[in-house]
Amino acid sequence: MKAFLVLMVSLLSLSAHAADLVKDVRARLVDAPLVRGQFEQKKSVAGFKKPLVSKGDFLLARDQGVLWNTRTPFASTLTLTRKSLSAQQATGGAAYHLDSTKEPALAAVNELLFALLSGDVAALQKRFKVEGELVGTAGWKLELTPTDAGLARVFKHIHLEGDGYVRQVQLDETRGDSSVITFEQLAQTPPPDTTEAERLGK
């Protein structure tokens, strides 16, 4: 009985710590309905010495979606909304469109991507065990371990770092691959132009 009580107290303490951490990180994040920026993604693939590097820019409009424009090494645009995911090669090549209302797994992925890019820690807490620490007066680091069975088959851990914005995301996959995405030149303007609005409205 004593051991059980000690275990329960420990679990409650961890739960309270996680709740406090989530609250503190959310307090440090900027409440920005729109974020633009540059990204660099380095993907390390098991069996290959050099990582695959891609660069580009993105637009996150919280109420509309995400435009992920890869500029190098191959130009393409990924459009993510709450209802769909679509991709288009700049050369007019391969394109696809997926409807999340017909693909439950896609809906979960969309929710995860929105949460990661916007730093929505409360949403992440629904599918991950959240651990981490505050850094200095403005920074923070989080380590996410999947509690969702579907995500656990894909990811071992996800690491986030930031301050008022998410600055880095590291995805460690179960098959041994990993990706590190860093964000720079983050800003809350300008609003979506006509082309961007059309893509997000699809």
N, C-alpha and C. Protein backbone atom coordinates (compact mmCIF):
# COMPACT_ATOMS: atom_id res chain seq x y z
N MET A 1 0.83 -1.20 0.00
CA MET A 1 0.00 0.00 0.00
C MET A 1 0.87 1.26 0.00
N LYS A 2 1.93 1.24 0.81
CA LYS A 2 2.81 2.40 0.88
C LYS A 2 3.45 2.68 -0.47
N ALA A 3 3.92 1.59 -1.13
CA ALA A 3 4.55 1.75 -2.44
C ALA A 3 3.56 2.32 -3.45
N PHE A 4 2.31 1.86 -3.35
CA PHE A 4 1.27 2.35 -4.26
C PHE A 4 1.04 3.85 -4.06
N LEU A 5 0.99 4.28 -2.80
CA LEU A 5 0.77 5.68 -2.50
C LEU A 5 1.92 6.54 -3.00
N VAL A 6 3.15 6.05 -2.83
CA VAL A 6 4.33 6.77 -3.32
C VAL A 6 4.26 6.92 -4.83
N LEU A 7 3.85 5.83 -5.51
CA LEU A 7 3.72 5.86 -6.96
C LEU A 7 2.68 6.88 -7.40
N MET A 8 1.53 6.90 -6.72
CA MET A 8 0.46 7.83 -7.08
C MET A 8 0.89 9.28 -6.88
N VAL A 9 1.57 9.54 -5.76
CA VAL A 9 2.06 10.89 -5.49
C VAL A 9 3.05 11.32 -6.57
N SER A 10 3.93 10.39 -6.97
CA SER A 10 4.92 10.69 -8.00
C SER A 10 4.25 11.01 -9.33
N LEU A 11 3.24 10.21 -9.70
CA LEU A 11 2.53 10.42 -10.95
C LEU A 11 1.79 11.76 -10.94
N LEU A 12 1.15 12.09 -9.82
CA LEU A 12 0.45 13.36 -9.70
C LEU A 12 1.41 14.54 -9.79
N SER A 13 2.59 14.35 -9.20
CA SER A 13 3.61 15.40 -9.25
C SER A 13 4.08 15.62 -10.68
N LEU A 14 4.31 14.53 -11.43
CA LEU A 14 4.73 14.63 -12.82
C LEU A 14 3.66 15.30 -13.67
N SER A 15 2.40 14.93 -13.41
CA SER A 15 1.29 15.50 -14.16
C SER A 15 1.20 17.00 -13.91
N ALA A 16 1.36 17.40 -12.65
CA ALA A 16 1.30 18.82 -12.30
C ALA A 16 2.46 19.58 -12.94
N HIS A 17 3.65 18.95 -12.95
CA HIS A 17 4.82 19.58 -13.56
C HIS A 17 4.59 19.78 -15.05
N ALA A 18 4.04 18.76 -15.73
CA ALA A 18 3.77 18.86 -17.17
C ALA A 18 2.77 19.98 -17.45
N ALA A 19 1.74 20.06 -16.62
CA ALA A 19 0.72 21.10 -16.80
C ALA A 19 1.34 22.48 -16.62
N ASP A 20 2.19 22.64 -15.62
CA ASP A 20 2.85 23.92 -15.38
C ASP A 20 3.78 24.28 -16.55
N LEU A 21 4.51 23.27 -17.06
CA LEU A 21 5.42 23.49 -18.18
C LEU A 21 4.66 23.96 -19.41
N VAL A 22 3.56 23.28 -19.72
CA VAL A 22 2.74 23.65 -20.88
C VAL A 22 2.24 25.08 -20.72
N LYS A 23 1.77 25.42 -19.53
CA LYS A 23 1.27 26.77 -19.26
C LYS A 23 2.37 27.80 -19.44
N ASP A 24 3.58 27.50 -18.94
CA ASP A 24 4.68 28.45 -19.03
C ASP A 24 5.15 28.64 -20.47
N VAL A 25 5.20 27.54 -21.24
CA VAL A 25 5.62 27.64 -22.64
C VAL A 25 4.59 28.44 -23.44
N ARG A 26 3.33 28.17 -23.22
CA ARG A 26 2.27 28.91 -23.93
C ARG A 26 2.36 30.40 -23.62
N ALA A 27 2.75 30.74 -22.38
CA ALA A 27 2.87 32.15 -22.00
C ALA A 27 4.02 32.83 -22.73
N ARG A 28 5.03 32.06 -23.14
CA ARG A 28 6.18 32.65 -23.82
C ARG A 28 5.97 32.75 -25.33
N LEU A 29 5.03 31.99 -25.87
CA LEU A 29 4.78 32.01 -27.30
C LEU A 29 3.94 33.23 -27.70
N VAL A 30 4.28 33.82 -28.83
CA VAL A 30 3.50 34.93 -29.36
C VAL A 30 2.18 34.40 -29.91
N ASP A 31 1.08 35.04 -29.56
CA ASP A 31 -0.23 34.66 -30.10
C ASP A 31 -0.39 35.31 -31.46
N ALA A 32 0.15 34.64 -32.48
CA ALA A 32 0.18 35.21 -33.82
C ALA A 32 -0.74 34.44 -34.76
N PRO A 33 -1.80 35.08 -35.24
CA PRO A 33 -2.70 34.40 -36.20
C PRO A 33 -2.04 34.16 -37.55
N LEU A 34 -0.93 34.86 -37.82
CA LEU A 34 -0.23 34.68 -39.09
C LEU A 34 1.27 34.77 -38.84
N VAL A 35 2.01 33.80 -39.43
CA VAL A 35 3.47 33.81 -39.32
C VAL A 35 4.06 33.44 -40.69
N ARG A 36 5.03 34.24 -41.11
CA ARG A 36 5.81 33.94 -42.31
C ARG A 36 7.26 33.70 -41.91
N GLY A 37 7.98 32.95 -42.73
CA GLY A 37 9.39 32.76 -42.43
C GLY A 37 10.10 31.91 -43.46
N GLN A 38 11.40 31.74 -43.23
CA GLN A 38 12.25 30.87 -44.04
C GLN A 38 12.50 29.58 -43.27
N PHE A 39 12.71 28.49 -44.01
CA PHE A 39 13.03 27.22 -43.34
C PHE A 39 14.18 26.52 -44.04
N GLU A 40 14.87 25.72 -43.28
CA GLU A 40 15.87 24.79 -43.82
C GLU A 40 15.61 23.43 -43.18
N GLN A 41 15.49 22.42 -43.99
CA GLN A 41 15.23 21.07 -43.49
C GLN A 41 16.38 20.15 -43.86
N LYS A 42 16.94 19.50 -42.86
CA LYS A 42 17.99 18.51 -43.08
C LYS A 42 17.45 17.14 -42.67
N LYS A 43 17.34 16.25 -43.65
CA LYS A 43 16.81 14.92 -43.39
C LYS A 43 17.94 13.90 -43.48
N SER A 44 18.20 13.23 -42.37
CA SER A 44 19.22 12.18 -42.32
C SER A 44 18.53 10.84 -42.53
N VAL A 45 18.96 10.13 -43.57
CA VAL A 45 18.36 8.85 -43.92
C VAL A 45 19.33 7.73 -43.57
N ALA A 46 18.83 6.72 -42.88
CA ALA A 46 19.66 5.60 -42.48
C ALA A 46 20.36 5.00 -43.70
N GLY A 47 21.68 4.84 -43.60
CA GLY A 47 22.45 4.26 -44.70
C GLY A 47 23.11 5.29 -45.59
N PHE A 48 22.77 6.57 -45.41
CA PHE A 48 23.38 7.64 -46.21
C PHE A 48 24.22 8.54 -45.29
N LYS A 49 25.41 8.94 -45.77
CA LYS A 49 26.31 9.74 -44.95
C LYS A 49 25.85 11.19 -44.84
N LYS A 50 25.46 11.77 -45.99
CA LYS A 50 25.10 13.18 -46.00
C LYS A 50 23.59 13.37 -45.90
N PRO A 51 23.15 14.35 -45.12
CA PRO A 51 21.70 14.62 -45.03
C PRO A 51 21.18 15.26 -46.31
N LEU A 52 19.91 15.07 -46.57
CA LEU A 52 19.24 15.72 -47.70
C LEU A 52 18.78 17.09 -47.21
N VAL A 53 19.18 18.14 -47.91
CA VAL A 53 18.89 19.51 -47.46
C VAL A 53 17.92 20.18 -48.41
N SER A 54 16.87 20.75 -47.88
CA SER A 54 15.93 21.54 -48.67
C SER A 54 15.69 22.87 -47.96
N LYS A 55 15.41 23.91 -48.76
CA LYS A 55 15.18 25.25 -48.21
C LYS A 55 13.99 25.89 -48.89
N GLY A 56 13.38 26.83 -48.19
CA GLY A 56 12.25 27.53 -48.78
C GLY A 56 11.63 28.50 -47.81
N ASP A 57 10.36 28.79 -48.02
CA ASP A 57 9.64 29.71 -47.15
C ASP A 57 8.24 29.15 -46.87
N PHE A 58 7.61 29.68 -45.84
CA PHE A 58 6.29 29.18 -45.48
C PHE A 58 5.40 30.31 -45.00
N LEU A 59 4.12 30.04 -45.05
CA LEU A 59 3.10 30.93 -44.50
C LEU A 59 2.16 30.10 -43.66
N LEU A 60 2.00 30.48 -42.40
CA LEU A 60 1.03 29.85 -41.52
C LEU A 60 -0.06 30.86 -41.21
N ALA A 61 -1.25 30.62 -41.73
CA ALA A 61 -2.42 31.45 -41.41
C ALA A 61 -3.33 30.56 -40.56
N ARG A 62 -3.37 30.83 -39.28
CA ARG A 62 -3.98 29.91 -38.32
C ARG A 62 -5.41 29.52 -38.67
N ASP A 63 -6.20 30.42 -39.20
CA ASP A 63 -7.59 30.13 -39.51
C ASP A 63 -7.79 29.60 -40.93
N GLN A 64 -6.69 29.54 -41.71
CA GLN A 64 -6.83 29.12 -43.10
C GLN A 64 -5.99 27.90 -43.44
N GLY A 65 -4.70 27.93 -43.10
CA GLY A 65 -3.86 26.80 -43.42
C GLY A 65 -2.39 27.17 -43.50
N VAL A 66 -1.62 26.27 -44.11
CA VAL A 66 -0.18 26.43 -44.23
C VAL A 66 0.23 26.26 -45.69
N LEU A 67 1.05 27.17 -46.18
CA LEU A 67 1.69 27.03 -47.48
C LEU A 67 3.18 26.78 -47.24
N TRP A 68 3.68 25.66 -47.74
CA TRP A 68 5.07 25.26 -47.51
C TRP A 68 5.76 25.24 -48.89
N ASN A 69 6.50 26.28 -49.17
CA ASN A 69 7.11 26.43 -50.50
C ASN A 69 8.58 26.03 -50.47
N THR A 70 8.89 24.87 -51.02
CA THR A 70 10.28 24.44 -51.14
C THR A 70 10.87 25.10 -52.38
N ARG A 71 12.01 25.77 -52.23
CA ARG A 71 12.66 26.46 -53.36
C ARG A 71 13.83 25.66 -53.91
N THR A 72 14.59 25.02 -53.02
CA THR A 72 15.72 24.19 -53.45
C THR A 72 15.72 22.88 -52.65
N PRO A 73 16.19 21.77 -53.21
CA PRO A 73 16.78 21.65 -54.54
C PRO A 73 15.74 21.57 -55.67
N PHE A 74 14.47 21.27 -55.33
CA PHE A 74 13.41 21.20 -56.33
C PHE A 74 12.23 22.03 -55.84
N ALA A 75 11.71 22.87 -56.69
CA ALA A 75 10.61 23.75 -56.30
C ALA A 75 9.29 23.00 -56.25
N SER A 76 8.56 23.20 -55.17
CA SER A 76 7.23 22.59 -55.01
C SER A 76 6.49 23.34 -53.93
N THR A 77 5.17 23.18 -53.90
CA THR A 77 4.35 23.82 -52.88
C THR A 77 3.43 22.79 -52.25
N LEU A 78 3.47 22.75 -50.92
CA LEU A 78 2.57 21.89 -50.15
C LEU A 78 1.54 22.81 -49.49
N THR A 79 0.26 22.51 -49.71
CA THR A 79 -0.81 23.29 -49.11
C THR A 79 -1.54 22.42 -48.10
N LEU A 80 -1.59 22.90 -46.88
CA LEU A 80 -2.20 22.14 -45.79
C LEU A 80 -3.32 22.96 -45.17
N THR A 81 -4.53 22.40 -45.13
CA THR A 81 -5.64 23.04 -44.44
C THR A 81 -6.21 22.04 -43.44
N ARG A 82 -7.19 22.47 -42.66
CA ARG A 82 -7.81 21.55 -41.70
C ARG A 82 -8.53 20.41 -42.40
N LYS A 83 -8.88 20.61 -43.68
CA LYS A 83 -9.68 19.62 -44.41
C LYS A 83 -8.92 18.85 -45.48
N SER A 84 -7.72 19.35 -45.84
CA SER A 84 -7.05 18.69 -46.96
C SER A 84 -5.55 18.91 -46.95
N LEU A 85 -4.87 18.13 -47.77
CA LEU A 85 -3.44 18.28 -48.01
C LEU A 85 -3.23 18.10 -49.51
N SER A 86 -2.53 19.05 -50.13
CA SER A 86 -2.26 18.94 -51.56
C SER A 86 -0.85 19.40 -51.85
N ALA A 87 -0.30 18.89 -52.96
CA ALA A 87 1.06 19.24 -53.35
C ALA A 87 1.12 19.47 -54.85
N GLN A 88 2.00 20.37 -55.25
CA GLN A 88 2.15 20.70 -56.67
C GLN A 88 3.61 21.00 -56.96
N GLN A 89 4.16 20.35 -57.98
CA GLN A 89 5.51 20.64 -58.44
C GLN A 89 5.48 21.94 -59.24
N ALA A 90 6.48 22.77 -59.08
CA ALA A 90 6.52 24.06 -59.78
C ALA A 90 6.58 23.87 -61.29
N THR A 91 7.13 22.75 -61.73
CA THR A 91 7.28 22.49 -63.16
C THR A 91 5.99 21.99 -63.80
N GLY A 92 4.93 21.85 -62.98
CA GLY A 92 3.67 21.34 -63.49
C GLY A 92 3.63 19.83 -63.51
N GLY A 93 4.57 19.20 -62.81
CA GLY A 93 4.65 17.74 -62.77
C GLY A 93 3.64 17.14 -61.81
N ALA A 94 4.08 16.12 -61.09
CA ALA A 94 3.19 15.35 -60.22
C ALA A 94 2.47 16.24 -59.21
N ALA A 95 1.18 15.98 -59.04
CA ALA A 95 0.37 16.72 -58.07
C ALA A 95 -0.61 15.76 -57.44
N TYR A 96 -1.01 16.05 -56.22
CA TYR A 96 -2.03 15.22 -55.58
C TYR A 96 -2.82 16.05 -54.58
N HIS A 97 -3.99 15.55 -54.26
CA HIS A 97 -4.88 16.23 -53.31
C HIS A 97 -5.57 15.16 -52.47
N LEU A 98 -5.49 15.31 -51.15
CA LEU A 98 -6.10 14.36 -50.22
C LEU A 98 -7.11 15.08 -49.35
N ASP A 99 -8.26 14.45 -49.17
CA ASP A 99 -9.34 15.01 -48.37
C ASP A 99 -9.34 14.36 -46.99
N SER A 100 -9.12 15.16 -45.94
CA SER A 100 -9.02 14.60 -44.59
C SER A 100 -10.36 14.10 -44.06
N THR A 101 -11.47 14.55 -44.66
CA THR A 101 -12.78 14.04 -44.22
C THR A 101 -12.96 12.59 -44.64
N LYS A 102 -12.18 12.16 -45.63
CA LYS A 102 -12.25 10.78 -46.09
C LYS A 102 -11.06 9.95 -45.62
N GLU A 103 -10.07 10.65 -45.04
CA GLU A 103 -8.85 9.98 -44.56
C GLU A 103 -8.61 10.36 -43.10
N PRO A 104 -9.14 9.57 -42.16
CA PRO A 104 -8.97 9.90 -40.73
C PRO A 104 -7.51 10.06 -40.32
N ALA A 105 -6.63 9.25 -40.89
CA ALA A 105 -5.22 9.36 -40.54
C ALA A 105 -4.66 10.70 -40.98
N LEU A 106 -5.10 11.20 -42.12
CA LEU A 106 -4.64 12.49 -42.62
C LEU A 106 -5.09 13.61 -41.69
N ALA A 107 -6.29 13.51 -41.16
CA ALA A 107 -6.79 14.52 -40.23
C ALA A 107 -5.87 14.62 -39.01
N ALA A 108 -5.39 13.47 -38.52
CA ALA A 108 -4.49 13.46 -37.37
C ALA A 108 -3.14 14.09 -37.74
N VAL A 109 -2.65 13.77 -38.94
CA VAL A 109 -1.38 14.35 -39.40
C VAL A 109 -1.51 15.87 -39.55
N ASN A 110 -2.61 16.31 -40.15
CA ASN A 110 -2.84 17.74 -40.31
C ASN A 110 -2.84 18.46 -38.97
N GLU A 111 -3.53 17.86 -38.01
CA GLU A 111 -3.60 18.45 -36.67
C GLU A 111 -2.21 18.55 -36.06
N LEU A 112 -1.40 17.50 -36.24
CA LEU A 112 -0.04 17.49 -35.71
C LEU A 112 0.81 18.57 -36.35
N LEU A 113 0.76 18.70 -37.67
CA LEU A 113 1.57 19.69 -38.37
C LEU A 113 1.18 21.12 -37.97
N PHE A 114 -0.12 21.37 -37.88
CA PHE A 114 -0.58 22.69 -37.43
C PHE A 114 -0.03 22.98 -36.03
N ALA A 115 -0.13 22.01 -35.15
CA ALA A 115 0.30 22.20 -33.77
C ALA A 115 1.80 22.43 -33.68
N LEU A 116 2.58 21.67 -34.46
CA LEU A 116 4.03 21.82 -34.43
C LEU A 116 4.46 23.19 -34.92
N LEU A 117 3.89 23.63 -36.04
CA LEU A 117 4.30 24.89 -36.64
C LEU A 117 3.86 26.10 -35.82
N SER A 118 2.71 25.98 -35.18
CA SER A 118 2.19 27.12 -34.42
C SER A 118 2.56 27.06 -32.94
N GLY A 119 3.19 25.93 -32.51
CA GLY A 119 3.54 25.81 -31.11
C GLY A 119 2.34 25.61 -30.22
N ASP A 120 1.31 24.94 -30.74
CA ASP A 120 0.09 24.70 -29.97
C ASP A 120 0.32 23.53 -29.02
N VAL A 121 0.91 23.85 -27.87
CA VAL A 121 1.33 22.81 -26.92
C VAL A 121 0.13 22.06 -26.37
N ALA A 122 -0.98 22.74 -26.17
CA ALA A 122 -2.18 22.10 -25.63
C ALA A 122 -2.67 21.00 -26.58
N ALA A 123 -2.64 21.27 -27.89
CA ALA A 123 -3.06 20.26 -28.87
C ALA A 123 -2.08 19.10 -28.90
N LEU A 124 -0.78 19.40 -28.80
CA LEU A 124 0.23 18.35 -28.80
C LEU A 124 0.09 17.44 -27.59
N GLN A 125 -0.34 18.02 -26.48
CA GLN A 125 -0.48 17.26 -25.24
C GLN A 125 -1.53 16.15 -25.34
N LYS A 126 -2.43 16.27 -26.32
CA LYS A 126 -3.47 15.25 -26.50
C LYS A 126 -2.89 13.95 -27.05
N ARG A 127 -1.77 14.05 -27.77
CA ARG A 127 -1.21 12.88 -28.46
C ARG A 127 0.21 12.53 -28.02
N PHE A 128 0.78 13.36 -27.12
CA PHE A 128 2.16 13.14 -26.71
C PHE A 128 2.32 13.34 -25.20
N LYS A 129 3.29 12.63 -24.65
CA LYS A 129 3.78 12.93 -23.31
C LYS A 129 4.74 14.10 -23.47
N VAL A 130 4.52 15.17 -22.73
CA VAL A 130 5.30 16.39 -22.90
C VAL A 130 6.27 16.57 -21.74
N GLU A 131 7.55 16.68 -22.06
CA GLU A 131 8.58 16.96 -21.07
C GLU A 131 9.46 18.08 -21.60
N GLY A 132 10.20 18.74 -20.72
CA GLY A 132 11.07 19.79 -21.20
C GLY A 132 11.48 20.76 -20.12
N GLU A 133 11.90 21.93 -20.55
CA GLU A 133 12.39 22.93 -19.61
C GLU A 133 12.31 24.32 -20.22
N LEU A 134 12.28 25.31 -19.36
CA LEU A 134 12.39 26.70 -19.78
C LEU A 134 13.87 27.06 -19.85
N VAL A 135 14.23 27.91 -20.81
CA VAL A 135 15.63 28.29 -21.00
C VAL A 135 15.75 29.81 -20.92
N GLY A 136 16.49 30.28 -19.93
CA GLY A 136 16.66 31.72 -19.77
C GLY A 136 15.33 32.41 -19.49
N THR A 137 15.23 33.64 -19.94
CA THR A 137 14.02 34.42 -19.67
C THR A 137 12.97 34.31 -20.77
N ALA A 138 13.35 33.71 -21.91
CA ALA A 138 12.39 33.67 -23.02
C ALA A 138 12.32 32.34 -23.75
N GLY A 139 13.35 31.49 -23.61
CA GLY A 139 13.41 30.26 -24.38
C GLY A 139 12.75 29.07 -23.71
N TRP A 140 12.65 27.99 -24.47
CA TRP A 140 12.08 26.75 -23.95
C TRP A 140 12.47 25.58 -24.86
N LYS A 141 12.47 24.38 -24.30
CA LYS A 141 12.72 23.15 -25.04
C LYS A 141 11.68 22.12 -24.61
N LEU A 142 11.17 21.38 -25.57
CA LEU A 142 10.20 20.33 -25.27
C LEU A 142 10.60 19.03 -25.95
N GLU A 143 10.38 17.92 -25.28
CA GLU A 143 10.53 16.60 -25.89
C GLU A 143 9.18 15.92 -25.84
N LEU A 144 8.70 15.50 -27.00
CA LEU A 144 7.39 14.87 -27.12
C LEU A 144 7.56 13.38 -27.41
N THR A 145 6.92 12.55 -26.60
CA THR A 145 6.92 11.10 -26.82
C THR A 145 5.50 10.69 -27.14
N PRO A 146 5.26 10.05 -28.30
CA PRO A 146 3.90 9.73 -28.70
C PRO A 146 3.17 8.82 -27.72
N THR A 147 1.94 9.18 -27.40
CA THR A 147 1.06 8.30 -26.64
C THR A 147 -0.02 7.74 -27.57
N ASP A 148 -0.15 8.35 -28.75
CA ASP A 148 -1.07 7.88 -29.78
C ASP A 148 -0.41 6.71 -30.52
N ALA A 149 -1.11 5.58 -30.62
CA ALA A 149 -0.53 4.37 -31.21
C ALA A 149 -0.10 4.58 -32.65
N GLY A 150 -0.91 5.29 -33.41
CA GLY A 150 -0.58 5.54 -34.81
C GLY A 150 0.69 6.35 -34.96
N LEU A 151 0.82 7.43 -34.19
CA LEU A 151 2.01 8.27 -34.25
C LEU A 151 3.24 7.54 -33.71
N ALA A 152 3.03 6.67 -32.72
CA ALA A 152 4.14 5.92 -32.13
C ALA A 152 4.76 4.95 -33.14
N ARG A 153 4.00 4.54 -34.14
CA ARG A 153 4.55 3.67 -35.17
C ARG A 153 5.47 4.44 -36.12
N VAL A 154 5.33 5.75 -36.14
CA VAL A 154 6.13 6.59 -37.04
C VAL A 154 7.26 7.31 -36.33
N PHE A 155 6.96 7.90 -35.15
CA PHE A 155 7.93 8.73 -34.44
C PHE A 155 8.35 8.12 -33.11
N LYS A 156 9.65 8.21 -32.83
CA LYS A 156 10.15 7.86 -31.50
C LYS A 156 10.00 9.06 -30.58
N HIS A 157 10.49 10.18 -31.05
CA HIS A 157 10.43 11.43 -30.29
C HIS A 157 10.33 12.60 -31.25
N ILE A 158 9.78 13.71 -30.76
CA ILE A 158 9.81 14.98 -31.47
C ILE A 158 10.35 16.03 -30.50
N HIS A 159 11.34 16.77 -30.95
CA HIS A 159 11.95 17.80 -30.10
C HIS A 159 11.60 19.18 -30.67
N LEU A 160 11.20 20.07 -29.79
CA LEU A 160 10.88 21.44 -30.19
C LEU A 160 11.71 22.41 -29.37
N GLU A 161 12.16 23.48 -30.03
CA GLU A 161 12.86 24.56 -29.34
C GLU A 161 12.33 25.89 -29.84
N GLY A 162 12.30 26.87 -28.96
CA GLY A 162 11.83 28.17 -29.41
C GLY A 162 11.90 29.21 -28.34
N ASP A 163 11.22 30.33 -28.63
CA ASP A 163 11.07 31.44 -27.70
C ASP A 163 9.66 31.98 -27.90
N GLY A 164 9.52 33.16 -28.50
CA GLY A 164 8.19 33.63 -28.85
C GLY A 164 7.60 32.86 -30.02
N TYR A 165 8.47 32.19 -30.79
CA TYR A 165 8.08 31.37 -31.92
C TYR A 165 8.76 30.00 -31.82
N VAL A 166 8.27 29.04 -32.56
CA VAL A 166 8.96 27.76 -32.71
C VAL A 166 10.15 28.02 -33.63
N ARG A 167 11.36 27.68 -33.17
CA ARG A 167 12.57 27.95 -33.94
C ARG A 167 13.16 26.68 -34.56
N GLN A 168 12.89 25.53 -33.94
CA GLN A 168 13.46 24.29 -34.46
C GLN A 168 12.56 23.11 -34.10
N VAL A 169 12.40 22.22 -35.07
CA VAL A 169 11.66 20.98 -34.87
C VAL A 169 12.55 19.82 -35.31
N GLN A 170 12.72 18.84 -34.45
CA GLN A 170 13.47 17.64 -34.81
C GLN A 170 12.54 16.43 -34.70
N LEU A 171 12.44 15.68 -35.80
CA LEU A 171 11.58 14.51 -35.85
C LEU A 171 12.45 13.26 -35.92
N ASP A 172 12.39 12.43 -34.89
CA ASP A 172 13.14 11.17 -34.86
C ASP A 172 12.17 10.03 -35.17
N GLU A 173 12.38 9.36 -36.30
CA GLU A 173 11.47 8.33 -36.74
C GLU A 173 11.88 6.95 -36.22
N THR A 174 10.91 6.07 -36.14
CA THR A 174 11.16 4.73 -35.61
C THR A 174 12.08 3.91 -36.52
N ARG A 175 12.10 4.22 -37.81
CA ARG A 175 12.93 3.43 -38.74
C ARG A 175 14.37 3.94 -38.81
N GLY A 176 14.69 4.95 -38.02
CA GLY A 176 16.06 5.43 -37.94
C GLY A 176 16.34 6.73 -38.65
N ASP A 177 15.41 7.20 -39.48
CA ASP A 177 15.60 8.50 -40.15
C ASP A 177 15.28 9.63 -39.17
N SER A 178 15.81 10.81 -39.46
CA SER A 178 15.49 11.97 -38.62
C SER A 178 15.53 13.23 -39.48
N SER A 179 14.74 14.22 -39.09
CA SER A 179 14.70 15.50 -39.81
C SER A 179 14.83 16.63 -38.80
N VAL A 180 15.62 17.63 -39.14
CA VAL A 180 15.76 18.83 -38.32
C VAL A 180 15.34 20.02 -39.18
N ILE A 181 14.32 20.74 -38.74
CA ILE A 181 13.81 21.89 -39.48
C ILE A 181 14.04 23.14 -38.63
N THR A 182 14.75 24.10 -39.18
CA THR A 182 14.99 25.35 -38.47
C THR A 182 14.26 26.48 -39.19
N PHE A 183 13.76 27.43 -38.40
CA PHE A 183 12.98 28.54 -38.92
C PHE A 183 13.68 29.86 -38.63
N GLU A 184 13.71 30.74 -39.63
CA GLU A 184 14.35 32.04 -39.49
C GLU A 184 13.51 33.12 -40.13
N GLN A 185 13.88 34.38 -39.86
CA GLN A 185 13.23 35.56 -40.44
C GLN A 185 11.71 35.51 -40.25
N LEU A 186 11.29 35.17 -39.06
CA LEU A 186 9.86 35.04 -38.77
C LEU A 186 9.22 36.41 -38.60
N ALA A 187 8.04 36.56 -39.19
CA ALA A 187 7.32 37.83 -39.13
C ALA A 187 5.82 37.58 -39.20
N GLN A 188 5.05 38.56 -38.78
CA GLN A 188 3.59 38.42 -38.76
C GLN A 188 2.91 39.16 -39.92
N THR A 189 3.68 39.65 -40.87
CA THR A 189 3.14 40.36 -42.03
C THR A 189 3.96 39.97 -43.26
N PRO A 190 3.49 40.20 -44.46
CA PRO A 190 2.17 40.76 -44.82
C PRO A 190 1.10 39.68 -44.84
N PRO A 191 -0.18 40.06 -44.96
CA PRO A 191 -1.25 39.08 -45.06
C PRO A 191 -1.18 38.31 -46.38
N PRO A 192 -1.90 37.21 -46.54
CA PRO A 192 -1.86 36.43 -47.78
C PRO A 192 -2.24 37.27 -48.99
N ASP A 193 -1.47 37.12 -50.08
CA ASP A 193 -1.83 37.81 -51.31
C ASP A 193 -2.91 36.98 -52.03
N THR A 194 -3.30 37.40 -53.22
CA THR A 194 -4.40 36.76 -53.93
C THR A 194 -4.12 35.29 -54.23
N THR A 195 -2.91 35.01 -54.72
CA THR A 195 -2.56 33.63 -55.06
C THR A 195 -2.55 32.74 -53.83
N GLU A 196 -1.96 33.25 -52.74
CA GLU A 196 -1.90 32.48 -51.50
C GLU A 196 -3.30 32.22 -50.95
N ALA A 197 -4.16 33.22 -51.01
CA ALA A 197 -5.53 33.08 -50.51
C ALA A 197 -6.29 32.05 -51.33
N GLU A 198 -6.05 32.02 -52.63
CA GLU A 198 -6.72 31.04 -53.49
C GLU A 198 -6.28 29.64 -53.14
N ARG A 199 -5.00 29.44 -52.91
CA ARG A 199 -4.48 28.11 -52.56
C ARG A 199 -5.04 27.65 -51.22
N LEU A 200 -5.09 28.54 -50.27
CA LEU A 200 -5.59 28.18 -48.94
C LEU A 200 -7.08 27.97 -48.94
N GLY A 201 -7.78 28.54 -49.92
CA GLY A 201 -9.22 28.41 -49.98
C GLY A 201 -9.70 27.15 -50.66
N LYS A 202 -8.77 26.39 -51.24
CA LYS A 202 -9.17 25.18 -51.96
C LYS A 202 -9.63 24.09 -51.00
